[in-house]
């Protein structure tokens, strides 16, 4: 059985608030469906590197975040992955965080 799902807009606001509490710049780059959208979190680590996380569920249906492309990827590769995700699912939210330390401040498992 899967866990209950939080509306996408509420999840995005919670993520933004969490980063705001730590004084880390974060903003919505792209709005998705407020009820059923999924999320992509891109963390800018420097001028050309990023970390990319996408919402996912594990085999038991528990919500979490999956690293897309490893610990550190080139900014251009992150942008290509985001564009591909949007082409597959136009309801996706994209949240941008600027944090050279790469802090992942989201709820759920890191898959």
N, C-alpha and C. Protein backbone atom coordinates (compact mmCIF):
# COMPACT_ATOMS: atom_id res chain seq x y z
N UNK A 1 0.83 -1.17 0.00
CA UNK A 1 0.00 0.00 0.00
C UNK A 1 0.88 1.25 0.00
N UNK A 2 0.52 2.24 -0.79
CA UNK A 2 1.31 3.46 -0.85
C UNK A 2 0.86 4.45 0.21
N UNK A 3 1.78 5.33 0.58
CA UNK A 3 1.48 6.38 1.54
C UNK A 3 0.54 7.40 0.91
N UNK A 4 -0.22 8.11 1.71
CA UNK A 4 -1.05 9.18 1.17
C UNK A 4 -0.16 10.22 0.50
N UNK A 5 -0.70 10.87 -0.50
CA UNK A 5 0.08 11.82 -1.27
C UNK A 5 -0.33 13.25 -0.96
N UNK A 6 0.64 14.09 -0.70
CA UNK A 6 0.43 15.50 -0.44
C UNK A 6 0.29 16.22 -1.77
N UNK A 7 -0.59 17.22 -1.84
CA UNK A 7 -0.73 18.00 -3.07
C UNK A 7 0.63 18.60 -3.43
N UNK A 8 0.92 18.62 -4.72
CA UNK A 8 2.21 19.10 -5.19
C UNK A 8 2.49 20.53 -4.75
N UNK A 9 1.50 21.40 -4.82
CA UNK A 9 1.72 22.80 -4.46
C UNK A 9 2.10 22.93 -2.98
N UNK A 10 1.51 22.11 -2.12
CA UNK A 10 1.85 22.15 -0.69
C UNK A 10 3.26 21.62 -0.44
N UNK A 11 3.62 20.57 -1.16
CA UNK A 11 4.96 20.01 -1.02
C UNK A 11 6.01 21.04 -1.45
N UNK A 12 5.76 21.71 -2.57
CA UNK A 12 6.70 22.73 -3.06
C UNK A 12 6.84 23.86 -2.04
N UNK A 13 5.73 24.32 -1.50
CA UNK A 13 5.79 25.39 -0.50
C UNK A 13 6.55 24.94 0.75
N UNK A 14 6.39 23.70 1.16
CA UNK A 14 7.13 23.17 2.31
C UNK A 14 8.63 23.13 2.04
N UNK A 15 9.00 22.72 0.83
CA UNK A 15 10.42 22.67 0.47
C UNK A 15 11.01 24.08 0.47
N UNK A 16 10.31 25.03 -0.13
CA UNK A 16 10.79 26.41 -0.16
C UNK A 16 10.94 26.97 1.26
N UNK A 17 9.98 26.67 2.09
CA UNK A 17 10.02 27.15 3.48
C UNK A 17 11.21 26.56 4.23
N UNK A 18 11.46 25.28 4.03
CA UNK A 18 12.58 24.60 4.70
C UNK A 18 13.91 25.25 4.33
N UNK A 19 14.10 25.52 3.04
CA UNK A 19 15.33 26.19 2.61
C UNK A 19 15.38 27.62 3.12
N UNK A 20 14.24 28.30 3.15
CA UNK A 20 14.18 29.67 3.66
C UNK A 20 14.61 29.73 5.12
N UNK A 21 14.20 28.75 5.91
CA UNK A 21 14.58 28.70 7.33
C UNK A 21 16.10 28.61 7.51
N UNK A 22 16.78 28.04 6.54
CA UNK A 22 18.24 27.92 6.60
C UNK A 22 18.93 29.05 5.84
N UNK A 23 18.16 30.03 5.36
CA UNK A 23 18.68 31.17 4.58
C UNK A 23 19.42 30.73 3.33
N UNK A 24 18.87 29.70 2.68
CA UNK A 24 19.42 29.19 1.43
C UNK A 24 18.47 29.61 0.31
N UNK A 25 18.96 30.31 -0.72
CA UNK A 25 18.08 30.75 -1.80
C UNK A 25 17.44 29.56 -2.54
N UNK A 26 16.13 29.60 -2.67
CA UNK A 26 15.38 28.56 -3.38
C UNK A 26 14.15 29.22 -4.00
N UNK A 27 13.80 28.78 -5.19
CA UNK A 27 12.64 29.36 -5.87
C UNK A 27 12.05 28.36 -6.86
N UNK A 28 10.84 28.64 -7.28
CA UNK A 28 10.15 27.80 -8.27
C UNK A 28 10.58 28.27 -9.65
N UNK A 29 11.21 27.40 -10.39
CA UNK A 29 11.59 27.72 -11.78
C UNK A 29 10.47 27.44 -12.74
N UNK A 30 9.68 26.43 -12.42
CA UNK A 30 8.57 26.03 -13.30
C UNK A 30 7.46 25.46 -12.46
N UNK A 31 6.25 25.99 -12.68
CA UNK A 31 5.09 25.47 -11.95
C UNK A 31 4.49 24.30 -12.72
N UNK A 32 4.07 23.31 -11.95
CA UNK A 32 3.40 22.16 -12.51
C UNK A 32 1.95 22.13 -12.05
N UNK A 33 1.34 20.98 -12.16
CA UNK A 33 -0.03 20.82 -11.70
C UNK A 33 -0.07 20.95 -10.19
N UNK A 34 -0.90 21.85 -9.64
CA UNK A 34 -0.90 22.08 -8.19
C UNK A 34 -1.39 20.89 -7.37
N UNK A 35 -2.15 20.01 -7.98
CA UNK A 35 -2.67 18.86 -7.23
C UNK A 35 -1.84 17.59 -7.45
N UNK A 36 -1.59 17.26 -8.70
CA UNK A 36 -1.00 15.95 -9.01
C UNK A 36 0.39 16.02 -9.62
N UNK A 37 1.00 17.19 -9.68
CA UNK A 37 2.33 17.30 -10.28
C UNK A 37 3.39 16.61 -9.44
N UNK A 38 4.51 16.32 -10.06
CA UNK A 38 5.66 15.78 -9.37
C UNK A 38 6.72 16.87 -9.27
N UNK A 39 7.80 16.59 -8.59
CA UNK A 39 8.81 17.61 -8.39
C UNK A 39 10.19 17.17 -8.80
N UNK A 40 10.95 18.14 -9.31
CA UNK A 40 12.37 17.98 -9.57
C UNK A 40 13.07 19.08 -8.79
N UNK A 41 14.09 18.70 -8.06
CA UNK A 41 14.87 19.64 -7.27
C UNK A 41 16.26 19.71 -7.87
N UNK A 42 16.66 20.90 -8.29
CA UNK A 42 18.00 21.08 -8.81
C UNK A 42 18.77 21.98 -7.84
N UNK A 43 19.91 21.49 -7.39
CA UNK A 43 20.73 22.23 -6.44
C UNK A 43 22.00 22.67 -7.15
N UNK A 44 22.12 23.98 -7.37
CA UNK A 44 23.30 24.54 -8.02
C UNK A 44 24.46 24.50 -7.03
N UNK A 45 25.50 23.74 -7.37
CA UNK A 45 26.65 23.57 -6.49
C UNK A 45 27.76 24.56 -6.79
N UNK A 46 27.70 25.16 -7.93
CA UNK A 46 28.72 26.11 -8.37
C UNK A 46 28.35 26.60 -9.76
N UNK A 47 29.26 27.29 -10.42
CA UNK A 47 28.90 27.86 -11.72
C UNK A 47 28.58 26.82 -12.81
N UNK A 48 29.11 25.61 -12.69
CA UNK A 48 28.87 24.63 -13.75
C UNK A 48 28.44 23.26 -13.27
N UNK A 49 28.25 23.08 -11.98
CA UNK A 49 27.87 21.78 -11.44
C UNK A 49 26.56 21.88 -10.68
N UNK A 50 25.85 20.75 -10.66
CA UNK A 50 24.56 20.71 -9.97
C UNK A 50 24.31 19.31 -9.44
N UNK A 51 23.33 19.22 -8.57
CA UNK A 51 22.79 17.95 -8.10
C UNK A 51 21.32 17.97 -8.51
N UNK A 52 20.84 16.86 -9.02
CA UNK A 52 19.47 16.80 -9.51
C UNK A 52 18.75 15.65 -8.82
N UNK A 53 17.58 15.96 -8.23
CA UNK A 53 16.77 14.96 -7.55
C UNK A 53 15.36 14.99 -8.12
N UNK A 54 14.78 13.83 -8.31
CA UNK A 54 13.41 13.73 -8.77
C UNK A 54 12.57 12.92 -7.79
N UNK A 55 11.30 13.31 -7.65
CA UNK A 55 10.41 12.56 -6.77
C UNK A 55 10.24 11.14 -7.31
N UNK A 56 10.23 10.18 -6.40
CA UNK A 56 10.07 8.78 -6.78
C UNK A 56 9.46 8.02 -5.60
N UNK A 57 9.10 6.79 -5.86
CA UNK A 57 8.61 5.90 -4.80
C UNK A 57 9.42 4.62 -4.85
N UNK A 58 9.68 4.04 -3.68
CA UNK A 58 10.42 2.78 -3.64
C UNK A 58 9.48 1.62 -3.91
N UNK A 59 9.99 0.41 -3.84
CA UNK A 59 9.21 -0.79 -4.16
C UNK A 59 8.00 -0.97 -3.24
N UNK A 60 8.08 -0.43 -2.01
CA UNK A 60 6.96 -0.53 -1.07
C UNK A 60 5.99 0.64 -1.20
N UNK A 61 6.26 1.56 -2.11
CA UNK A 61 5.37 2.70 -2.32
C UNK A 61 5.65 3.90 -1.45
N UNK A 62 6.77 3.88 -0.71
CA UNK A 62 7.13 5.03 0.13
C UNK A 62 7.74 6.14 -0.71
N UNK A 63 7.32 7.37 -0.43
CA UNK A 63 7.80 8.52 -1.17
C UNK A 63 9.25 8.83 -0.83
N UNK A 64 9.98 9.27 -1.83
CA UNK A 64 11.37 9.65 -1.62
C UNK A 64 11.87 10.47 -2.79
N UNK A 65 13.18 10.64 -2.84
CA UNK A 65 13.84 11.42 -3.88
C UNK A 65 14.97 10.59 -4.47
N UNK A 66 15.04 10.55 -5.78
CA UNK A 66 16.04 9.77 -6.50
C UNK A 66 17.06 10.71 -7.12
N UNK A 67 18.34 10.44 -6.88
CA UNK A 67 19.39 11.24 -7.51
C UNK A 67 19.41 10.92 -9.00
N UNK A 68 19.34 11.95 -9.80
CA UNK A 68 19.37 11.78 -11.25
C UNK A 68 20.75 12.18 -11.75
N UNK A 69 21.54 11.22 -12.18
CA UNK A 69 22.86 11.53 -12.70
C UNK A 69 23.99 11.50 -11.70
N UNK A 70 23.77 11.02 -10.50
CA UNK A 70 24.84 10.90 -9.53
C UNK A 70 24.94 12.08 -8.58
N UNK A 71 26.01 12.11 -7.80
CA UNK A 71 26.22 13.15 -6.79
C UNK A 71 26.37 14.54 -7.39
N UNK A 72 27.06 14.63 -8.51
CA UNK A 72 27.40 15.92 -9.11
C UNK A 72 27.36 15.75 -10.62
N UNK A 73 26.59 16.60 -11.29
CA UNK A 73 26.54 16.55 -12.74
C UNK A 73 26.76 17.94 -13.31
N UNK A 74 27.11 17.99 -14.56
CA UNK A 74 27.31 19.27 -15.24
C UNK A 74 25.97 19.98 -15.36
N UNK A 75 25.99 21.30 -15.25
CA UNK A 75 24.77 22.11 -15.34
C UNK A 75 24.03 21.84 -16.66
N UNK A 76 24.77 21.70 -17.75
CA UNK A 76 24.15 21.44 -19.06
C UNK A 76 23.42 20.09 -19.06
N UNK A 77 24.00 19.10 -18.42
CA UNK A 77 23.37 17.78 -18.34
C UNK A 77 22.11 17.84 -17.48
N UNK A 78 22.16 18.62 -16.42
CA UNK A 78 20.99 18.80 -15.56
C UNK A 78 19.86 19.46 -16.35
N UNK A 79 20.19 20.48 -17.13
CA UNK A 79 19.17 21.17 -17.93
C UNK A 79 18.56 20.23 -18.96
N UNK A 80 19.38 19.38 -19.57
CA UNK A 80 18.87 18.42 -20.54
C UNK A 80 17.94 17.41 -19.87
N UNK A 81 18.30 16.96 -18.68
CA UNK A 81 17.45 16.01 -17.95
C UNK A 81 16.12 16.65 -17.55
N UNK A 82 16.16 17.92 -17.15
CA UNK A 82 14.93 18.64 -16.80
C UNK A 82 14.03 18.78 -18.02
N UNK A 83 14.61 19.17 -19.15
CA UNK A 83 13.83 19.31 -20.39
C UNK A 83 13.19 17.98 -20.79
N UNK A 84 13.93 16.90 -20.63
CA UNK A 84 13.40 15.57 -20.97
C UNK A 84 12.24 15.21 -20.04
N UNK A 85 12.41 15.49 -18.73
CA UNK A 85 11.35 15.19 -17.76
C UNK A 85 10.09 15.99 -18.08
N UNK A 86 10.24 17.26 -18.45
CA UNK A 86 9.09 18.10 -18.78
C UNK A 86 8.40 17.60 -20.04
N UNK A 87 9.17 17.12 -21.00
CA UNK A 87 8.55 16.60 -22.23
C UNK A 87 7.73 15.34 -21.95
N UNK A 88 8.16 14.54 -20.96
CA UNK A 88 7.41 13.34 -20.58
C UNK A 88 6.22 13.67 -19.69
N UNK A 89 6.38 14.67 -18.81
CA UNK A 89 5.34 15.01 -17.85
C UNK A 89 5.24 16.53 -17.73
N UNK A 90 4.32 17.15 -18.44
CA UNK A 90 4.22 18.61 -18.40
C UNK A 90 3.71 19.15 -17.06
N UNK A 91 3.32 18.28 -16.14
CA UNK A 91 2.81 18.71 -14.83
C UNK A 91 3.91 18.85 -13.78
N UNK A 92 5.16 18.68 -14.15
CA UNK A 92 6.26 18.67 -13.19
C UNK A 92 6.62 20.08 -12.72
N UNK A 93 6.88 20.18 -11.42
CA UNK A 93 7.42 21.40 -10.83
C UNK A 93 8.95 21.30 -10.87
N UNK A 94 9.63 22.43 -11.09
CA UNK A 94 11.09 22.47 -11.00
C UNK A 94 11.45 23.51 -9.94
N UNK A 95 12.15 23.05 -8.92
CA UNK A 95 12.59 23.92 -7.83
C UNK A 95 14.10 24.07 -7.93
N UNK A 96 14.57 25.30 -7.93
CA UNK A 96 16.00 25.60 -8.00
C UNK A 96 16.49 26.05 -6.63
N UNK A 97 17.61 25.47 -6.20
CA UNK A 97 18.25 25.84 -4.94
C UNK A 97 19.69 26.22 -5.26
N UNK A 98 20.18 27.28 -4.65
CA UNK A 98 21.56 27.68 -4.84
C UNK A 98 22.31 27.45 -3.54
N UNK A 99 23.04 26.35 -3.51
CA UNK A 99 23.75 25.97 -2.28
C UNK A 99 25.01 25.19 -2.64
N UNK A 100 26.14 25.84 -2.53
CA UNK A 100 27.41 25.20 -2.84
C UNK A 100 27.72 24.00 -1.95
N UNK A 101 27.08 23.91 -0.80
CA UNK A 101 27.29 22.77 0.11
C UNK A 101 26.44 21.57 -0.29
N UNK A 102 25.46 21.77 -1.19
CA UNK A 102 24.63 20.67 -1.66
C UNK A 102 23.72 20.06 -0.63
N UNK A 103 23.21 20.88 0.29
CA UNK A 103 22.32 20.36 1.32
C UNK A 103 20.97 19.95 0.73
N UNK A 104 20.56 18.75 1.06
CA UNK A 104 19.26 18.21 0.61
C UNK A 104 18.31 18.29 1.80
N UNK A 105 17.42 19.28 1.77
CA UNK A 105 16.52 19.53 2.90
C UNK A 105 15.09 19.18 2.55
N UNK A 106 14.88 18.00 2.04
CA UNK A 106 13.53 17.54 1.68
C UNK A 106 13.18 16.33 2.53
N UNK A 107 11.87 16.15 2.74
CA UNK A 107 11.37 15.01 3.48
C UNK A 107 11.37 13.78 2.59
N UNK A 108 11.57 12.64 3.17
CA UNK A 108 11.49 11.39 2.42
C UNK A 108 12.85 10.74 2.27
N UNK A 109 12.83 9.54 1.79
CA UNK A 109 14.05 8.76 1.62
C UNK A 109 14.86 9.29 0.45
N UNK A 110 16.17 9.17 0.52
CA UNK A 110 17.01 9.39 -0.65
C UNK A 110 17.23 8.01 -1.27
N UNK A 111 16.65 7.82 -2.43
CA UNK A 111 16.71 6.50 -3.08
C UNK A 111 17.90 6.39 -4.01
